[in-house]
Amino acid sequence: MQKLLALLLCIVPSLVYGQLPINDNKSSDIKINDFVVGTLLKPAQPSQTLIIIIPGEGAVDRDGNSKMARNNSLKKLAEGLAEQGIATFRYDKRVLTLLKKRALQENKLRFDNFIEDALATVQYFNDRNIFNNIYILGHSQGSLVGIVAAQQSKVKGVISLNGPGQSIDKTIVSQIELQMPDLKENAENAFATLKEKGQVKDYGPALSSIFRKDLQPFMSSWMAYNPRREIRKLKIPTLIIGGTKDLQASVAEAEILKKSKPDAELVIIENMNHLGFEITGDDLENSKSYNETNRPVMPALIETISAFIEN
């Protein structure tokens, strides 16, 4: 159940990425539009490369935190990339921005809104000619957002970090099969009805967090995008990153994306979890890491992204 809830919501020892002081780097807050506000982090030395970091599912802020989980994972990722001379822009999820304004109407939210936010961000930086090379990095749900946005914008490459390889209905059903197998058939039928009719009423109480009435339009719009189909449309360099300790997007998900786009680069990082942290213990340690701010992002993750950018 912990994995399902998380899905719906989130070499040199001294060189620990995300913990080094970055006083020489330049950080500034930027408002792209009424829905997109984030932080531009530039390295100490001028950089021609920018990575736009798209957060994952839930009301997540630019640092990778939500009300239920505080870990600063995306902030540490940005800081680690800055230490490698790469600028980043990371932004708050639209859901969080609307919540802060007390303006969130869940029944009006669509997956396409997240794509619009990513497109607006890319356009903002392209219009200003600050960076010659712009990449999109999407984490978790943000992977699919980034893949679709990259089809419609001018970017040099795409990075999928712990993203799904299946559509959201297939992903959720797979999680349910592992954790609550008795509910699998009910979930499959509910998703089929939602896909066919745009709404569903026949589902068990245990599935109400997925199929509640106000959320159904969003789930329906999300289901319309299949990561396997969307990644095939990309004509630019693509990097797919997965971790062997990811509780939300297994290595199999990354392999599905790779199979769909054979020319993409696939890197599986040993002992990396969904947040980019190293986990050497069991699932309990892994789950606890979602609320630990002292863990660094794995150096292997920073090195993998940096190597892709340099090629």
C-alpha atoms as a PDB file:
ATOM      1  CA  MET A   1       0.000   0.000   0.000  1.00  0.00           C
ATOM      2  CA  GLN A   2       2.912   2.377   0.765  1.00  0.00           C
ATOM      3  CA  LYS A   3       4.162   1.978  -2.804  1.00  0.00           C
ATOM      4  CA  LEU A   4       0.737   2.669  -4.284  1.00  0.00           C
ATOM      5  CA  LEU A   5       0.194   5.764  -2.146  1.00  0.00           C
ATOM      6  CA  ALA A   6       3.641   7.030  -3.067  1.00  0.00           C
ATOM      7  CA  LEU A   7       2.833   6.498  -6.722  1.00  0.00           C
ATOM      8  CA  LEU A   8      -0.254   8.601  -6.465  1.00  0.00           C
ATOM      9  CA  LEU A   9       1.328  11.386  -4.483  1.00  0.00           C
ATOM     10  CA  CYS A  10       5.926  11.282  -4.987  1.00  0.00           C
ATOM     11  CA  ILE A  11      33.333   8.053  -6.050  1.00  0.00           C
ATOM     12  CA  VAL A  12      35.111  10.214  -3.801  1.00  0.00           C
ATOM     13  CA  PRO A  13      33.527  10.107  -0.355  1.00  0.00           C
ATOM     14  CA  SER A  14      34.180  13.791   0.360  1.00  0.00           C
ATOM     15  CA  LEU A  15      32.507  14.869  -2.892  1.00  0.00           C
ATOM     16  CA  VAL A  16      28.887  14.357  -1.830  1.00  0.00           C
ATOM     17  CA  TYR A  17      26.543  15.976  -4.330  1.00  0.00           C
ATOM     18  CA  GLY A  18      23.848  18.155  -2.832  1.00  0.00           C
ATOM     19  CA  GLN A  19      25.783  18.816   0.383  1.00  0.00           C
ATOM     20  CA  LEU A  20      28.604  20.978  -0.907  1.00  0.00           C
ATOM     21  CA  PRO A  21      28.300  24.719  -0.290  1.00  0.00           C
ATOM     22  CA  ILE A  22      27.285  26.450  -3.510  1.00  0.00           C
ATOM     23  CA  ASN A  23      27.764  30.055  -2.471  1.00  0.00           C
ATOM     24  CA  ASP A  24      29.603  30.766  -5.709  1.00  0.00           C
ATOM     25  CA  ASN A  25      26.607  29.656  -7.761  1.00  0.00           C
ATOM     26  CA  LYS A  26      23.842  32.061  -8.691  1.00  0.00           C
ATOM     27  CA  SER A  27      20.300  31.243  -7.636  1.00  0.00           C
ATOM     28  CA  SER A  28      17.295  33.346  -8.630  1.00  0.00           C
ATOM     29  CA  ASP A  29      13.541  32.890  -8.547  1.00  0.00           C
ATOM     30  CA  ILE A  30      11.689  33.334 -11.833  1.00  0.00           C
ATOM     31  CA  LYS A  31       7.973  33.568 -12.592  1.00  0.00           C
ATOM     32  CA  ILE A  32       7.240  32.069 -15.991  1.00  0.00           C
ATOM     33  CA  ASN A  33       3.509  32.715 -15.762  1.00  0.00           C
ATOM     34  CA  ASP A  34       0.681  32.503 -13.214  1.00  0.00           C
ATOM     35  CA  PHE A  35       1.106  28.731 -12.942  1.00  0.00           C
ATOM     36  CA  VAL A  36       4.877  28.291 -13.141  1.00  0.00           C
ATOM     37  CA  VAL A  37       7.271  29.731 -10.575  1.00  0.00           C
ATOM     38  CA  GLY A  38      10.700  28.252  -9.974  1.00  0.00           C
ATOM     39  CA  THR A  39      14.400  28.638  -9.300  1.00  0.00           C
ATOM     40  CA  LEU A  40      17.168  29.131 -11.841  1.00  0.00           C
ATOM     41  CA  LEU A  41      20.463  27.829 -10.474  1.00  0.00           C
ATOM     42  CA  LYS A  42      23.550  28.778 -12.445  1.00  0.00           C
ATOM     43  CA  PRO A  43      27.020  27.302 -11.811  1.00  0.00           C
ATOM     44  CA  ALA A  44      29.878  29.518 -10.687  1.00  0.00           C
ATOM     45  CA  GLN A  45      31.283  29.637 -14.211  1.00  0.00           C
ATOM     46  CA  PRO A  46      29.075  30.717 -17.161  1.00  0.00           C
ATOM     47  CA  SER A  47      27.184  27.822 -18.740  1.00  0.00           C
ATOM     48  CA  GLN A  48      25.551  27.446 -22.144  1.00  0.00           C
ATOM     49  CA  THR A  49      23.541  24.439 -20.986  1.00  0.00           C
ATOM     50  CA  LEU A  50      20.257  24.461 -19.084  1.00  0.00           C
ATOM     51  CA  ILE A  51      18.293  21.480 -17.798  1.00  0.00           C
ATOM     52  CA  ILE A  52      14.624  22.125 -17.053  1.00  0.00           C
ATOM     53  CA  ILE A  53      13.600  19.807 -14.207  1.00  0.00           C
ATOM     54  CA  ILE A  54       9.949  18.703 -14.232  1.00  0.00           C
ATOM     55  CA  PRO A  55       8.703  17.302 -10.893  1.00  0.00           C
ATOM     56  CA  GLY A  56       6.730  14.114 -10.361  1.00  0.00           C
ATOM     57  CA  GLU A  57       3.197  13.353  -9.255  1.00  0.00           C
ATOM     58  CA  GLY A  58       1.377  15.135  -6.456  1.00  0.00           C
ATOM     59  CA  ALA A  59       1.552  18.650  -5.072  1.00  0.00           C
ATOM     60  CA  VAL A  60       5.342  18.751  -5.331  1.00  0.00           C
ATOM     61  CA  ASP A  61       7.476  21.864  -5.015  1.00  0.00           C
ATOM     62  CA  ARG A  62      10.597  22.759  -6.974  1.00  0.00           C
ATOM     63  CA  ASP A  63      12.803  21.042  -4.371  1.00  0.00           C
ATOM     64  CA  GLY A  64      11.001  17.706  -4.652  1.00  0.00           C
ATOM     65  CA  ASN A  65       9.011  18.103  -1.439  1.00  0.00           C
ATOM     66  CA  SER A  66       5.325  17.684  -0.663  1.00  0.00           C
ATOM     67  CA  LYS A  67       3.190  17.949   2.443  1.00  0.00           C
ATOM     68  CA  MET A  68       3.723  14.256   3.126  1.00  0.00           C
ATOM     69  CA  ALA A  69       7.384  13.950   2.121  1.00  0.00           C
ATOM     70  CA  ARG A  70      10.313  16.308   2.642  1.00  0.00           C
ATOM     71  CA  ASN A  71      13.666  15.215   1.201  1.00  0.00           C
ATOM     72  CA  ASN A  72      14.963  18.061  -1.037  1.00  0.00           C
ATOM     73  CA  SER A  73      15.748  15.508  -3.744  1.00  0.00           C
ATOM     74  CA  LEU A  74      15.320  17.841  -6.739  1.00  0.00           C
ATOM     75  CA  LYS A  75      17.158  20.669  -5.015  1.00  0.00           C
ATOM     76  CA  LYS A  76      20.092  18.344  -4.376  1.00  0.00           C
ATOM     77  CA  LEU A  77      19.966  17.182  -7.974  1.00  0.00           C
ATOM     78  CA  ALA A  78      20.157  20.801  -9.173  1.00  0.00           C
ATOM     79  CA  GLU A  79      23.021  21.558  -6.808  1.00  0.00           C
ATOM     80  CA  GLY A  80      24.928  18.485  -7.935  1.00  0.00           C
ATOM     81  CA  LEU A  81      24.526  19.494 -11.581  1.00  0.00           C
ATOM     82  CA  ALA A  82      25.663  23.040 -10.775  1.00  0.00           C
ATOM     83  CA  GLU A  83      28.864  21.600  -9.350  1.00  0.00           C
ATOM     84  CA  GLN A  84      29.382  20.002 -12.774  1.00  0.00           C
ATOM     85  CA  GLY A  85      28.901  23.323 -14.571  1.00  0.00           C
ATOM     86  CA  ILE A  86      25.288  22.751 -15.642  1.00  0.00           C
ATOM     87  CA  ALA A  87      22.522  25.288 -15.020  1.00  0.00           C
ATOM     88  CA  THR A  88      19.040  24.114 -14.024  1.00  0.00           C
ATOM     89  CA  PHE A  89      15.555  25.521 -13.692  1.00  0.00           C
ATOM     90  CA  ARG A  90      13.209  23.649 -11.392  1.00  0.00           C
ATOM     91  CA  TYR A  91       9.665  24.721 -10.679  1.00  0.00           C
ATOM     92  CA  ASP A  92       6.703  24.109  -8.400  1.00  0.00           C
ATOM     93  CA  LYS A  93       3.975  21.826  -9.686  1.00  0.00           C
ATOM     94  CA  ARG A  94       0.854  23.655 -10.891  1.00  0.00           C
ATOM     95  CA  VAL A  95      -1.212  21.778  -8.274  1.00  0.00           C
ATOM     96  CA  LEU A  96       0.880  23.287  -5.476  1.00  0.00           C
ATOM     97  CA  THR A  97       0.743  26.773  -6.977  1.00  0.00           C
ATOM     98  CA  LEU A  98      -3.056  26.606  -7.145  1.00  0.00           C
ATOM     99  CA  LEU A  99      -3.294  25.211  -3.619  1.00  0.00           C
ATOM    100  CA  LYS A 100      -1.261  28.130  -2.298  1.00  0.00           C
ATOM    101  CA  LYS A 101      -3.689  30.506  -4.006  1.00  0.00           C
ATOM    102  CA  ARG A 102      -6.674  28.492  -2.727  1.00  0.00           C
ATOM    103  CA  ALA A 103      -7.707  28.238  -6.355  1.00  0.00           C
ATOM    104  CA  LEU A 104      -7.383  24.502  -7.044  1.00  0.00           C
ATOM    105  CA  GLN A 105     -10.468  23.012  -8.692  1.00  0.00           C
ATOM    106  CA  GLU A 106      -9.563  19.359  -8.947  1.00  0.00           C
ATOM    107  CA  ASN A 107     -12.377  18.524 -11.348  1.00  0.00           C
ATOM    108  CA  LYS A 108     -10.941  21.017 -13.870  1.00  0.00           C
ATOM    109  CA  LEU A 109      -7.351  19.795 -13.708  1.00  0.00           C
ATOM    110  CA  ARG A 110      -6.003  17.900 -16.732  1.00  0.00           C
ATOM    111  CA  PHE A 111      -2.717  16.163 -17.502  1.00  0.00           C
ATOM    112  CA  ASP A 112      -2.346  18.487 -20.475  1.00  0.00           C
ATOM    113  CA  ASN A 113      -2.000  21.393 -18.021  1.00  0.00           C
ATOM    114  CA  PHE A 114       1.352  19.982 -16.912  1.00  0.00           C
ATOM    115  CA  ILE A 115       2.479  19.713 -20.532  1.00  0.00           C
ATOM    116  CA  GLU A 116       1.452  23.345 -21.081  1.00  0.00           C
ATOM    117  CA  ASP A 117       3.574  24.392 -18.087  1.00  0.00           C
ATOM    118  CA  ALA A 118       6.617  22.584 -19.450  1.00  0.00           C
ATOM    119  CA  LEU A 119       6.129  24.123 -22.899  1.00  0.00           C
ATOM    120  CA  ALA A 120       5.790  27.608 -21.417  1.00  0.00           C
ATOM    121  CA  THR A 121       9.028  27.111 -19.491  1.00  0.00           C
ATOM    122  CA  VAL A 122      10.982  25.968 -22.540  1.00  0.00           C
ATOM    123  CA  GLN A 123       9.573  28.855 -24.571  1.00  0.00           C
ATOM    124  CA  TYR A 124      10.532  31.359 -21.864  1.00  0.00           C
ATOM    125  CA  PHE A 125      14.203  30.393 -22.015  1.00  0.00           C
ATOM    126  CA  ASN A 126      14.295  29.946 -25.793  1.00  0.00           C
ATOM    127  CA  ASP A 127      12.894  33.452 -26.256  1.00  0.00           C
ATOM    128  CA  ARG A 128      15.637  34.974 -24.115  1.00  0.00           C
ATOM    129  CA  ASN A 129      18.592  33.176 -25.765  1.00  0.00           C
ATOM    130  CA  ILE A 130      20.351  32.799 -22.413  1.00  0.00           C
ATOM    131  CA  PHE A 131      21.353  29.195 -23.095  1.00  0.00           C
ATOM    132  CA  ASN A 132      22.367  27.538 -26.350  1.00  0.00           C
ATOM    133  CA  ASN A 133      21.536  24.018 -25.214  1.00  0.00           C
ATOM    134  CA  ILE A 134      18.280  23.297 -23.411  1.00  0.00           C
ATOM    135  CA  TYR A 135      17.389  19.837 -22.114  1.00  0.00           C
ATOM    136  CA  ILE A 136      14.289  18.529 -20.374  1.00  0.00           C
ATOM    137  CA  LEU A 137      14.595  16.217 -17.367  1.00  0.00           C
ATOM    138  CA  GLY A 138      11.339  14.734 -16.136  1.00  0.00           C
ATOM    139  CA  HIS A 139      11.173  12.855 -12.848  1.00  0.00           C
ATOM    140  CA  SER A 140       8.538  10.142 -12.353  1.00  0.00           C
ATOM    141  CA  GLN A 141       5.252  11.519 -13.763  1.00  0.00           C
ATOM    142  CA  GLY A 142       7.334  14.418 -15.063  1.00  0.00           C
ATOM    143  CA  SER A 143       9.085  11.960 -17.397  1.00  0.00           C
ATOM    144  CA  LEU A 144       5.936  11.561 -19.493  1.00  0.00           C
ATOM    145  CA  VAL A 145       5.261  15.301 -19.302  1.00  0.00           C
ATOM    146  CA  GLY A 146       8.781  16.006 -20.563  1.00  0.00           C
ATOM    147  CA  ILE A 147       8.612  13.435 -23.356  1.00  0.00           C
ATOM    148  CA  VAL A 148       5.407  14.937 -24.736  1.00  0.00           C
ATOM    149  CA  ALA A 149       6.588  18.541 -24.283  1.00  0.00           C
ATOM    150  CA  ALA A 150       9.849  17.774 -26.103  1.00  0.00           C
ATOM    151  CA  GLN A 151       7.869  16.750 -29.187  1.00  0.00           C
ATOM    152  CA  GLN A 152       6.402  20.254 -29.395  1.00  0.00           C
ATOM    153  CA  SER A 153       9.356  22.455 -28.431  1.00  0.00           C
ATOM    154  CA  LYS A 154      12.945  23.258 -29.333  1.00  0.00           C
ATOM    155  CA  VAL A 155      15.166  21.256 -26.975  1.00  0.00           C
ATOM    156  CA  LYS A 156      18.401  19.381 -27.540  1.00  0.00           C
ATOM    157  CA  GLY A 157      17.587  16.255 -25.552  1.00  0.00           C
ATOM    158  CA  VAL A 158      15.337  14.523 -23.027  1.00  0.00           C
ATOM    159  CA  ILE A 159      16.145  12.740 -19.775  1.00  0.00           C
ATOM    160  CA  SER A 160      13.628  10.352 -18.221  1.00  0.00           C
ATOM    161  CA  LEU A 161      14.446   9.856 -14.546  1.00  0.00           C
ATOM    162  CA  ASN A 162      12.583   6.971 -12.914  1.00  0.00           C
ATOM    163  CA  GLY A 163       9.671   7.412 -15.287  1.00  0.00           C
ATOM    164  CA  PRO A 164       6.906   4.925 -16.141  1.00  0.00           C
ATOM    165  CA  GLY A 165       6.961   2.769 -19.243  1.00  0.00           C
ATOM    166  CA  GLN A 166       3.254   1.948 -19.119  1.00  0.00           C
ATOM    167  CA  SER A 167       0.160   4.144 -19.146  1.00  0.00           C
ATOM    168  CA  ILE A 168      -1.019   5.170 -15.676  1.00  0.00           C
ATOM    169  CA  ASP A 169      -3.904   2.683 -15.575  1.00  0.00           C
ATOM    170  CA  LYS A 170      -1.559  -0.232 -16.342  1.00  0.00           C
ATOM    171  CA  THR A 171       0.944   1.047 -13.770  1.00  0.00           C
ATOM    172  CA  ILE A 172      -1.641   1.304 -11.000  1.00  0.00           C
ATOM    173  CA  VAL A 173      -3.134  -2.102 -11.805  1.00  0.00           C
ATOM    174  CA  SER A 174       0.361  -3.631 -11.642  1.00  0.00           C
ATOM    175  CA  GLN A 175       0.902  -2.083  -8.202  1.00  0.00           C
ATOM    176  CA  ILE A 176      -2.498  -3.304  -7.007  1.00  0.00           C
ATOM    177  CA  GLU A 177      -1.775  -6.818  -8.264  1.00  0.00           C
ATOM    178  CA  LEU A 178       1.378  -6.924  -6.134  1.00  0.00           C
ATOM    179  CA  GLN A 179      -0.119  -5.421  -2.987  1.00  0.00           C
ATOM    180  CA  MET A 180      -3.887  -5.997  -3.083  1.00  0.00           C
ATOM    181  CA  PRO A 181      -4.483  -8.773  -5.645  1.00  0.00           C
ATOM    182  CA  ASP A 182      -8.148  -9.155  -4.702  1.00  0.00           C
ATOM    183  CA  LEU A 183      -8.778  -5.647  -6.061  1.00  0.00           C
ATOM    184  CA  LYS A 184      -7.059  -6.149  -9.401  1.00  0.00           C
ATOM    185  CA  GLU A 185     -10.153  -7.138 -11.394  1.00  0.00           C
ATOM    186  CA  ASN A 186     -12.222  -4.307  -9.896  1.00  0.00           C
ATOM    187  CA  ALA A 187      -9.497  -1.797 -10.789  1.00  0.00           C
ATOM    188  CA  GLU A 188      -9.151  -3.120 -14.345  1.00  0.00           C
ATOM    189  CA  ASN A 189     -12.896  -2.913 -14.909  1.00  0.00           C
ATOM    190  CA  ALA A 190     -13.083   0.582 -13.434  1.00  0.00           C
ATOM    191  CA  PHE A 191     -10.284   1.844 -15.668  1.00  0.00           C
ATOM    192  CA  ALA A 192     -11.899   0.241 -18.717  1.00  0.00           C
ATOM    193  CA  THR A 193     -15.181   1.981 -17.954  1.00  0.00           C
ATOM    194  CA  LEU A 194     -13.428   5.297 -17.334  1.00  0.00           C
ATOM    195  CA  LYS A 195     -11.608   5.003 -20.655  1.00  0.00           C
ATOM    196  CA  GLU A 196     -14.776   4.109 -22.557  1.00  0.00           C
ATOM    197  CA  LYS A 197     -17.331   6.409 -20.910  1.00  0.00           C
ATOM    198  CA  GLY A 198     -15.234   9.142 -19.291  1.00  0.00           C
ATOM    199  CA  GLN A 199     -16.611   8.346 -15.849  1.00  0.00           C
ATOM    200  CA  VAL A 200     -17.067   5.373 -13.540  1.00  0.00           C
ATOM    201  CA  LYS A 201     -19.234   4.650 -10.498  1.00  0.00           C
ATOM    202  CA  ASP A 202     -18.692   0.945  -9.886  1.00  0.00           C
ATOM    203  CA  TYR A 203     -15.534   0.558  -7.791  1.00  0.00           C
ATOM    204  CA  GLY A 204     -14.700  -0.618  -4.289  1.00  0.00           C
ATOM    205  CA  PRO A 205     -14.177   1.776  -1.350  1.00  0.00           C
ATOM    206  CA  ALA A 206     -10.484   0.864  -1.233  1.00  0.00           C
ATOM    207  CA  LEU A 207     -10.094   2.396  -4.704  1.00  0.00           C
ATOM    208  CA  SER A 208     -11.835   5.686  -3.902  1.00  0.00           C
ATOM    209  CA  SER A 209      -8.556   7.628  -3.762  1.00  0.00           C
ATOM    210  CA  ILE A 210      -8.039   6.752  -7.427  1.00  0.00           C
ATOM    211  CA  PHE A 211     -11.558   6.963  -8.776  1.00  0.00           C
ATOM    212  CA  ARG A 212     -13.242   9.683  -6.735  1.00  0.00           C
ATOM    213  CA  LYS A 213     -15.498  11.801  -8.920  1.00  0.00           C
ATOM    214  CA  ASP A 214     -13.462  15.019  -9.007  1.00  0.00           C
ATOM    215  CA  LEU A 215     -10.267  13.148  -9.893  1.00  0.00           C
ATOM    216  CA  GLN A 216     -11.740  11.105 -12.749  1.00  0.00           C
ATOM    217  CA  PRO A 217     -11.340  13.794 -15.464  1.00  0.00           C
ATOM    218  CA  PHE A 218      -7.648  14.108 -14.624  1.00  0.00           C
ATOM    219  CA  MET A 219      -7.097  10.349 -14.540  1.00  0.00           C
ATOM    220  CA  SER A 220      -8.898  10.020 -17.867  1.00  0.00           C
ATOM    221  CA  SER A 221      -6.682  12.687 -19.466  1.00  0.00           C
ATOM    222  CA  TRP A 222      -3.538  11.057 -18.012  1.00  0.00           C
ATOM    223  CA  MET A 223      -4.532   7.632 -19.346  1.00  0.00           C
ATOM    224  CA  ALA A 224      -4.679   9.062 -22.850  1.00  0.00           C
ATOM    225  CA  TYR A 225      -0.862   9.288 -22.927  1.00  0.00           C
ATOM    226  CA  ASN A 226       1.074   6.047 -23.275  1.00  0.00           C
ATOM    227  CA  PRO A 227       4.814   6.518 -22.534  1.00  0.00           C
ATOM    228  CA  ARG A 228       5.777   3.782 -25.003  1.00  0.00           C
ATOM    229  CA  ARG A 229       3.920   5.481 -27.826  1.00  0.00           C
ATOM    230  CA  GLU A 230       5.075   8.981 -26.911  1.00  0.00           C
ATOM    231  CA  ILE A 231       8.777   8.207 -26.567  1.00  0.00           C
ATOM    232  CA  ARG A 232       8.816   6.705 -30.087  1.00  0.00           C
ATOM    233  CA  LYS A 233       7.947  10.142 -31.458  1.00  0.00           C
ATOM    234  CA  LEU A 234      11.161  11.738 -30.172  1.00  0.00           C
ATOM    235  CA  LYS A 235      13.795  12.553 -32.790  1.00  0.00           C
ATOM    236  CA  ILE A 236      16.368  13.911 -30.340  1.00  0.00           C
ATOM    237  CA  PRO A 237      18.923  12.292 -27.991  1.00  0.00           C
ATOM    238  CA  THR A 238      17.163  10.543 -25.122  1.00  0.00           C
ATOM    239  CA  LEU A 239      18.503   9.225 -21.815  1.00  0.00           C
ATOM    240  CA  ILE A 240      16.506   6.774 -19.704  1.00  0.00           C
ATOM    241  CA  ILE A 241      17.591   6.355 -16.078  1.00  0.00           C
ATOM    242  CA  GLY A 242      16.285   3.771 -13.621  1.00  0.00           C
ATOM    243  CA  GLY A 243      17.311   2.484 -10.217  1.00  0.00           C
ATOM    244  CA  THR A 244      17.331  -1.021  -8.780  1.00  0.00           C
ATOM    245  CA  LYS A 245      15.794   0.185  -5.492  1.00  0.00           C
ATOM    246  CA  ASP A 246      12.956   2.192  -7.012  1.00  0.00           C
ATOM    247  CA  LEU A 247       9.683   1.323  -5.246  1.00  0.00           C
ATOM    248  CA  GLN A 248       7.504   3.266  -7.692  1.00  0.00           C
ATOM    249  CA  ALA A 249       9.011   2.683 -11.144  1.00  0.00           C
ATOM    250  CA  SER A 250      10.813  -0.627 -11.433  1.00  0.00           C
ATOM    251  CA  VAL A 251      13.745  -1.348 -13.732  1.00  0.00           C
ATOM    252  CA  ALA A 252      11.218  -3.067 -15.991  1.00  0.00           C
ATOM    253  CA  GLU A 253       9.555   0.319 -16.635  1.00  0.00           C
ATOM    254  CA  ALA A 254      12.847   1.791 -17.864  1.00  0.00           C
ATOM    255  CA  GLU A 255      13.411  -1.270 -20.037  1.00  0.00           C
ATOM    256  CA  ILE A 256       9.960  -0.825 -21.616  1.00  0.00           C
ATOM    257  CA  LEU A 257      10.917   2.723 -22.607  1.00  0.00           C
ATOM    258  CA  LYS A 258      14.229   1.524 -24.024  1.00  0.00           C
ATOM    259  CA  LYS A 259      12.507  -1.190 -26.068  1.00  0.00           C
ATOM    260  CA  SER A 260      10.142   1.437 -27.455  1.00  0.00           C
ATOM    261  CA  LYS A 261      13.059   3.690 -28.456  1.00  0.00           C
ATOM    262  CA  PRO A 262      16.087   1.458 -29.200  1.00  0.00           C
ATOM    263  CA  ASP A 263      18.394   4.395 -29.969  1.00  0.00           C
ATOM    264  CA  ALA A 264      17.875   5.860 -26.475  1.00  0.00           C
ATOM    265  CA  GLU A 265      20.613   5.453 -23.882  1.00  0.00           C
ATOM    266  CA  LEU A 266      19.578   3.321 -20.897  1.00  0.00           C
ATOM    267  CA  VAL A 267      21.392   3.499 -17.559  1.00  0.00           C
ATOM    268  CA  ILE A 268      20.326   1.456 -14.532  1.00  0.00           C
ATOM    269  CA  ILE A 269      21.959   2.662 -11.312  1.00  0.00           C
ATOM    270  CA  GLU A 270      22.556   0.011  -8.680  1.00  0.00           C
ATOM    271  CA  ASN A 271      20.886   0.678  -5.299  1.00  0.00           C
ATOM    272  CA  MET A 272      19.292   3.959  -6.441  1.00  0.00           C
ATOM    273  CA  ASN A 273      15.726   4.597  -5.303  1.00  0.00           C
ATOM    274  CA  HIS A 274      12.959   6.733  -6.775  1.00  0.00           C
ATOM    275  CA  LEU A 275      14.427   9.934  -5.321  1.00  0.00           C
ATOM    276  CA  GLY A 276      17.968   9.345  -6.545  1.00  0.00           C
ATOM    277  CA  PHE A 277      19.187   8.245  -3.094  1.00  0.00           C
ATOM    278  CA  GLU A 278      21.336   5.192  -2.369  1.00  0.00           C
ATOM    279  CA  ILE A 279      19.523   2.476  -0.425  1.00  0.00           C
ATOM    280  CA  THR A 280      21.559  -0.450   0.888  1.00  0.00           C
ATOM    281  CA  GLY A 281      18.893  -1.843   3.221  1.00  0.00           C
ATOM    282  CA  ASP A 282      15.291  -2.992   2.955  1.00  0.00           C
ATOM    283  CA  ASP A 283      12.020  -1.384   1.881  1.00  0.00           C
ATOM    284  CA  LEU A 284      11.581   0.206   5.308  1.00  0.00           C
ATOM    285  CA  GLU A 285      14.831   2.166   4.892  1.00  0.00           C
ATOM    286  CA  ASN A 286      13.707   3.057   1.403  1.00  0.00           C
ATOM    287  CA  SER A 287      10.326   4.373   2.570  1.00  0.00           C
ATOM    288  CA  LYS A 288      11.890   6.367   5.410  1.00  0.00           C
ATOM    289  CA  SER A 289      14.226   8.109   2.957  1.00  0.00           C
ATOM    290  CA  TYR A 290      11.242  10.014   1.534  1.00  0.00           C
ATOM    291  CA  ASN A 291      11.264  12.105   4.710  1.00  0.00           C
ATOM    292  CA  GLU A 292      15.007  12.410   5.248  1.00  0.00           C
ATOM    293  CA  THR A 293      16.750  15.591   4.154  1.00  0.00           C
ATOM    294  CA  ASN A 294      20.264  14.453   5.040  1.00  0.00           C
ATOM    295  CA  ARG A 295      20.653  11.921   2.231  1.00  0.00           C
ATOM    296  CA  PRO A 296      22.713  13.021  -0.788  1.00  0.00           C
ATOM    297  CA  VAL A 297      21.777  12.371  -4.386  1.00  0.00           C
ATOM    298  CA  MET A 298      23.957   9.562  -5.697  1.00  0.00           C
ATOM    299  CA  PRO A 299      27.117  10.731  -7.500  1.00  0.00           C
ATOM    300  CA  ALA A 300      26.419   8.126 -10.202  1.00  0.00           C
ATOM    301  CA  LEU A 301      23.200   9.955 -11.084  1.00  0.00           C
ATOM    302  CA  ILE A 302      24.976  13.296 -11.500  1.00  0.00           C
ATOM    303  CA  GLU A 303      27.767  11.667 -13.504  1.00  0.00           C
ATOM    304  CA  THR A 304      25.292   9.885 -15.799  1.00  0.00           C
ATOM    305  CA  ILE A 305      23.419  13.090 -16.601  1.00  0.00           C
ATOM    306  CA  SER A 306      26.635  15.076 -17.060  1.00  0.00           C
ATOM    307  CA  ALA A 307      28.079  12.486 -19.445  1.00  0.00           C
ATOM    308  CA  PHE A 308      24.897  12.548 -21.534  1.00  0.00           C
ATOM    309  CA  ILE A 309      25.013  16.343 -21.756  1.00  0.00           C
ATOM    310  CA  GLU A 310      28.673  16.321 -22.822  1.00  0.00           C
ATOM    311  CA  ASN A 311      28.124  13.852 -25.683  1.00  0.00           C
END
